[in-house]
Amino acid sequence: MEELYNIKLPVFEGPLDLLLHLIRENKVDIYDIPISFITRQYLDYIEVMKELNLEIAGEFLVMAATLIQIKSRMLLPPEEKEAEGTETVDPRLELVQRLLEYQAYKDAATILREKEEESQLLFSRGAGETEEEAEEETSEPSLFDVNIFDLLGAFKKMLESAPPEVRTITREALTVKDKMFMIVDLLESTESIRFEELFRDTITRTQLLVTFLALLELLRLGLARAYQEKEFGNIWVIKPRKETEEAEAG
């Protein structure tokens, strides 16, 4: 039996992050979540992660079961709801409260991180260096960082149009390292690459999977960075600024 190619990524966020991502992407009212639609989308993402042989934390599967349970409760006829005593309680209420609390926590963490970055910029400024010069030296392209679910969503769209193939991914069939070198070479010759451009010469489903796994590994190793022009906008892949400066200095 051939050994499966598995990859574990520390960049993974949790199931609540995925739900918030789906709610924002589909412009859904968090107080009135269309549970059937969101559950279907959530399970689609889980399937993509499984197809990529990404190590899925148990909490993702627990959330999947929770969503299915909520969906089932909402589909109960009125008489059964009355028998269960759930007529006046929205089955989604507890989930909505968890999402709101988690979003508040994330917003607070973002504010603290921004303040920390501002402090680092202030204290790292050299003698005689103006604020404008310091910002120019340390600033990244005016793009938004991309999270794992943005990448999975963009990849899922490409995968949906690919022809079906055998789903087992093996070390022998994959050339992830070769693809990693190819992407690094591309980043050496150009300032930035559109996410879709990385898949331009890929035809089969397996090739798509290989290329995406290679990109994820490069992101994990810090050899590439991914940005968006705006939330849910085009995704760009660039070489990290630190690596670029070291190459120029050498």
Protein backbone atom coordinates (compact mmCIF):
# COMPACT_ATOMS: atom_id res chain seq x y z
CA MET A 1 0.00 0.00 0.00
CA GLU A 2 1.44 3.37 -1.02
CA GLU A 3 2.06 6.02 1.61
CA LEU A 4 -0.29 8.96 1.53
CA TYR A 5 1.14 12.45 1.20
CA ASN A 6 0.04 14.34 4.31
CA ILE A 7 0.71 17.93 5.28
CA LYS A 8 -0.01 19.71 8.55
CA LEU A 9 -0.16 23.48 8.44
CA PRO A 10 0.22 25.75 11.46
CA VAL A 11 -1.53 28.50 9.46
CA PHE A 12 -4.86 26.76 9.89
CA GLU A 13 -7.44 28.71 11.80
CA GLY A 14 -10.39 27.17 13.58
CA PRO A 15 -13.95 26.26 12.58
CA LEU A 16 -15.34 29.56 13.88
CA ASP A 17 -12.92 31.36 11.56
CA LEU A 18 -14.26 29.31 8.65
CA LEU A 19 -17.87 30.12 9.57
CA LEU A 20 -17.10 33.84 9.86
CA HIS A 21 -15.30 33.66 6.52
CA LEU A 22 -18.37 32.07 4.87
CA ILE A 23 -20.72 34.60 6.48
CA ARG A 24 -18.65 37.54 5.19
CA GLU A 25 -18.03 36.02 1.77
CA ASN A 26 -21.73 35.36 1.18
CA LYS A 27 -22.83 38.66 2.82
CA VAL A 28 -25.00 36.78 5.29
CA ASP A 29 -26.69 38.40 8.31
CA ILE A 30 -24.96 36.80 11.28
CA TYR A 31 -28.21 37.12 13.27
CA ASP A 32 -30.16 35.21 10.60
CA ILE A 33 -27.77 32.58 9.25
CA PRO A 34 -29.25 30.45 6.42
CA ILE A 35 -28.10 27.30 8.15
CA SER A 36 -28.70 24.86 5.26
CA PHE A 37 -26.67 27.00 2.85
CA ILE A 38 -23.81 27.65 5.29
CA THR A 39 -23.70 23.99 6.35
CA ARG A 40 -23.38 22.91 2.72
CA GLN A 41 -20.58 25.42 2.12
CA TYR A 42 -18.80 24.40 5.32
CA LEU A 43 -18.91 20.71 4.35
CA ASP A 44 -17.59 21.60 0.87
CA TYR A 45 -14.52 23.18 2.47
CA ILE A 46 -14.03 20.09 4.67
CA GLU A 47 -14.12 17.91 1.54
CA VAL A 48 -11.46 20.05 -0.15
CA MET A 49 -9.24 19.78 2.92
CA LYS A 50 -9.73 16.01 2.95
CA GLU A 51 -8.91 15.75 -0.75
CA LEU A 52 -5.69 17.66 -0.11
CA ASN A 53 -4.93 15.24 2.76
CA LEU A 54 -4.59 18.21 5.09
CA GLU A 55 -4.69 17.22 8.73
CA ILE A 56 -8.10 18.37 9.93
CA ALA A 57 -8.44 19.07 13.64
CA GLY A 58 -11.26 17.28 15.41
CA GLU A 59 -12.94 20.59 16.23
CA PHE A 60 -13.75 21.07 12.53
CA LEU A 61 -15.65 17.79 12.50
CA VAL A 62 -17.40 18.62 15.78
CA MET A 63 -18.59 21.90 14.24
CA ALA A 64 -19.79 20.02 11.15
CA ALA A 65 -21.88 17.76 13.40
CA THR A 66 -23.21 20.81 15.28
CA LEU A 67 -24.29 22.50 12.05
CA ILE A 68 -26.04 19.36 10.84
CA GLN A 69 -27.83 19.06 14.20
CA ILE A 70 -29.00 22.68 14.03
CA LYS A 71 -30.15 22.15 10.45
CA SER A 72 -32.13 19.06 11.51
CA ARG A 73 -33.79 20.90 14.38
CA MET A 74 -34.81 23.75 12.09
CA LEU A 75 -36.41 21.29 9.69
CA LEU A 76 -38.64 19.79 12.39
CA PRO A 77 -42.39 20.35 11.82
CA PRO A 78 -44.10 22.75 14.27
CA GLU A 79 -45.79 19.98 16.26
CA GLU A 80 -42.48 18.22 16.93
CA LYS A 81 -40.87 21.51 17.94
CA GLU A 82 -43.65 22.03 20.45
CA ALA A 83 -43.13 18.51 21.81
CA GLU A 84 -39.42 19.24 22.29
CA GLY A 85 -40.17 22.63 23.80
CA THR A 86 -38.00 24.40 21.21
CA GLU A 87 -40.67 26.46 19.49
CA THR A 88 -39.60 29.79 20.96
CA VAL A 89 -35.84 29.10 20.97
CA ASP A 90 -33.92 29.57 17.75
CA PRO A 91 -31.56 26.55 17.36
CA ARG A 92 -28.98 28.94 15.88
CA LEU A 93 -28.89 31.24 18.93
CA GLU A 94 -26.00 29.56 20.78
CA LEU A 95 -23.91 29.43 17.59
CA VAL A 96 -24.59 33.11 16.83
CA GLN A 97 -23.50 34.08 20.36
CA ARG A 98 -20.29 32.07 19.99
CA LEU A 99 -19.55 33.73 16.66
CA LEU A 100 -20.16 37.24 18.01
CA GLU A 101 -17.95 36.62 21.05
CA TYR A 102 -15.21 35.15 18.89
CA GLN A 103 -15.38 38.05 16.43
CA ALA A 104 -15.07 40.51 19.32
CA TYR A 105 -12.01 38.62 20.55
CA LYS A 106 -10.45 38.68 17.06
CA ASP A 107 -11.14 42.40 16.68
CA ALA A 108 -9.47 43.11 20.04
CA ALA A 109 -6.47 40.97 19.07
CA THR A 110 -6.17 42.86 15.77
CA ILE A 111 -6.15 46.22 17.55
CA LEU A 112 -3.44 45.03 19.96
CA ARG A 113 -1.35 43.68 17.08
CA GLU A 114 -1.63 46.97 15.19
CA LYS A 115 -0.53 48.90 18.29
CA GLU A 116 2.44 46.54 18.70
CA GLU A 117 3.44 47.08 15.06
CA GLU A 118 3.19 50.85 15.52
CA SER A 119 5.42 50.63 18.61
CA GLN A 120 8.00 48.53 16.76
CA LEU A 121 8.03 51.05 13.93
CA LEU A 122 8.53 53.92 16.39
CA PHE A 123 11.40 52.34 18.35
CA SER A 124 13.14 50.79 15.33
CA ARG A 125 13.55 54.14 13.56
CA GLY A 126 17.21 55.07 13.18
CA ALA A 127 18.78 58.31 14.34
CA GLY A 128 17.95 61.19 12.05
CA GLU A 129 15.50 59.07 10.10
CA THR A 130 12.11 60.61 9.40
CA GLU A 131 8.87 58.77 10.02
CA GLU A 132 8.14 58.79 6.28
CA GLU A 133 11.52 57.19 5.50
CA ALA A 134 11.01 54.52 8.14
CA GLU A 135 7.56 53.66 6.84
CA GLU A 136 8.87 53.50 3.28
CA GLU A 137 11.57 51.02 4.30
CA THR A 138 9.33 48.75 6.37
CA SER A 139 6.08 48.89 4.47
CA GLU A 140 4.75 45.89 2.55
CA PRO A 141 2.70 46.25 -0.64
CA SER A 142 -0.66 47.90 0.00
CA LEU A 143 -2.47 44.58 0.04
CA PHE A 144 -4.33 42.58 2.68
CA ASP A 145 -2.92 39.40 4.14
CA VAL A 146 -4.72 36.31 2.97
CA ASN A 147 -5.94 33.57 5.32
CA ILE A 148 -6.08 29.85 4.65
CA PHE A 149 -9.80 29.92 3.83
CA ASP A 150 -9.34 32.61 1.17
CA LEU A 151 -6.78 30.33 -0.46
CA LEU A 152 -8.98 27.24 -0.11
CA GLY A 153 -11.96 29.13 -1.53
CA ALA A 154 -9.99 30.27 -4.59
CA PHE A 155 -8.60 26.77 -5.07
CA LYS A 156 -12.04 25.17 -4.62
CA LYS A 157 -13.37 27.16 -7.59
CA MET A 158 -10.54 25.88 -9.77
CA LEU A 159 -10.98 22.32 -8.55
CA GLU A 160 -14.69 22.34 -9.38
CA SER A 161 -13.92 22.85 -13.07
CA ALA A 162 -11.22 20.15 -13.20
CA PRO A 163 -11.98 16.66 -14.57
CA PRO A 164 -12.54 13.98 -11.89
CA GLU A 165 -9.61 11.68 -11.15
CA VAL A 166 -8.62 9.08 -8.62
CA ARG A 167 -8.65 10.85 -5.26
CA THR A 168 -5.77 8.97 -3.61
CA ILE A 169 -2.70 11.20 -3.54
CA THR A 170 0.63 9.36 -3.15
CA ARG A 171 4.23 10.44 -2.74
CA GLU A 172 5.10 8.71 -5.98
CA ALA A 173 2.42 10.54 -7.97
CA LEU A 174 3.14 13.95 -6.46
CA THR A 175 6.07 16.21 -7.23
CA VAL A 176 5.43 18.82 -4.55
CA LYS A 177 9.13 19.65 -4.16
CA ASP A 178 9.50 20.17 -7.90
CA LYS A 179 6.49 22.50 -7.89
CA MET A 180 7.93 24.37 -4.94
CA PHE A 181 11.14 25.03 -6.87
CA MET A 182 9.13 26.15 -9.89
CA ILE A 183 7.12 28.65 -7.84
CA VAL A 184 10.29 29.97 -6.16
CA ASP A 185 11.87 30.42 -9.62
CA LEU A 186 8.81 32.36 -10.75
CA LEU A 187 9.04 34.61 -7.70
CA GLU A 188 12.69 35.27 -8.49
CA SER A 189 11.82 36.55 -11.96
CA THR A 190 8.74 38.63 -11.18
CA GLU A 191 7.61 40.93 -8.39
CA SER A 192 4.24 39.24 -7.87
CA ILE A 193 2.13 36.45 -9.33
CA ARG A 194 -1.64 36.17 -9.52
CA PHE A 195 -2.86 33.06 -7.69
CA GLU A 196 -4.49 31.75 -10.88
CA GLU A 197 -1.24 32.14 -12.82
CA LEU A 198 0.37 29.44 -10.69
CA PHE A 199 -2.08 26.95 -12.21
CA ARG A 200 -1.90 28.19 -15.79
CA ASP A 201 -0.17 25.09 -17.19
CA THR A 202 -1.94 22.57 -14.98
CA ILE A 203 -4.59 20.44 -16.65
CA THR A 204 -5.43 17.49 -14.45
CA ARG A 205 -6.96 17.46 -11.00
CA THR A 206 -3.83 15.89 -9.55
CA GLN A 207 -1.65 18.66 -10.99
CA LEU A 208 -3.91 21.25 -9.38
CA LEU A 209 -3.60 19.50 -6.03
CA VAL A 210 0.17 19.25 -6.34
CA THR A 211 0.55 22.95 -7.17
CA PHE A 212 -1.68 24.03 -4.29
CA LEU A 213 0.14 21.80 -1.81
CA ALA A 214 3.45 23.25 -3.00
CA LEU A 215 2.15 26.79 -2.45
CA LEU A 216 0.89 25.95 1.04
CA GLU A 217 4.25 24.45 1.95
CA LEU A 218 6.08 27.57 0.73
CA LEU A 219 3.75 29.75 2.79
CA ARG A 220 4.30 27.55 5.83
CA LEU A 221 8.09 27.77 5.43
CA GLY A 222 7.94 31.54 4.96
CA LEU A 223 9.41 31.31 1.44
CA ALA A 224 6.35 33.01 -0.07
CA ARG A 225 3.58 35.33 1.10
CA ALA A 226 0.01 35.70 -0.12
CA TYR A 227 -1.97 38.95 -0.23
CA GLN A 228 -5.33 40.21 -1.43
CA GLU A 229 -6.12 43.55 -3.02
CA LYS A 230 -9.20 43.73 -0.81
CA GLU A 231 -11.32 41.33 1.19
CA PHE A 232 -12.34 38.47 -1.13
CA GLY A 233 -10.45 40.20 -3.95
CA ASN A 234 -7.70 38.89 -6.22
CA ILE A 235 -4.98 36.89 -4.48
CA TRP A 236 -1.30 37.62 -5.20
CA VAL A 237 1.76 35.61 -4.24
CA ILE A 238 5.04 37.44 -3.60
CA LYS A 239 8.50 36.73 -2.21
CA PRO A 240 8.85 37.78 1.46
CA ARG A 241 10.36 41.22 1.94
CA LYS A 242 13.12 40.00 4.27
CA GLU A 243 14.32 37.42 1.76
CA THR A 244 14.27 40.05 -1.00
CA GLU A 245 16.40 42.47 1.03
CA GLU A 246 18.93 39.74 1.92
CA ALA A 247 19.23 38.73 -1.75
CA GLU A 248 19.84 42.35 -2.79
CA ALA A 249 22.41 42.84 -0.01
CA GLY A 250 24.25 39.69 -1.12
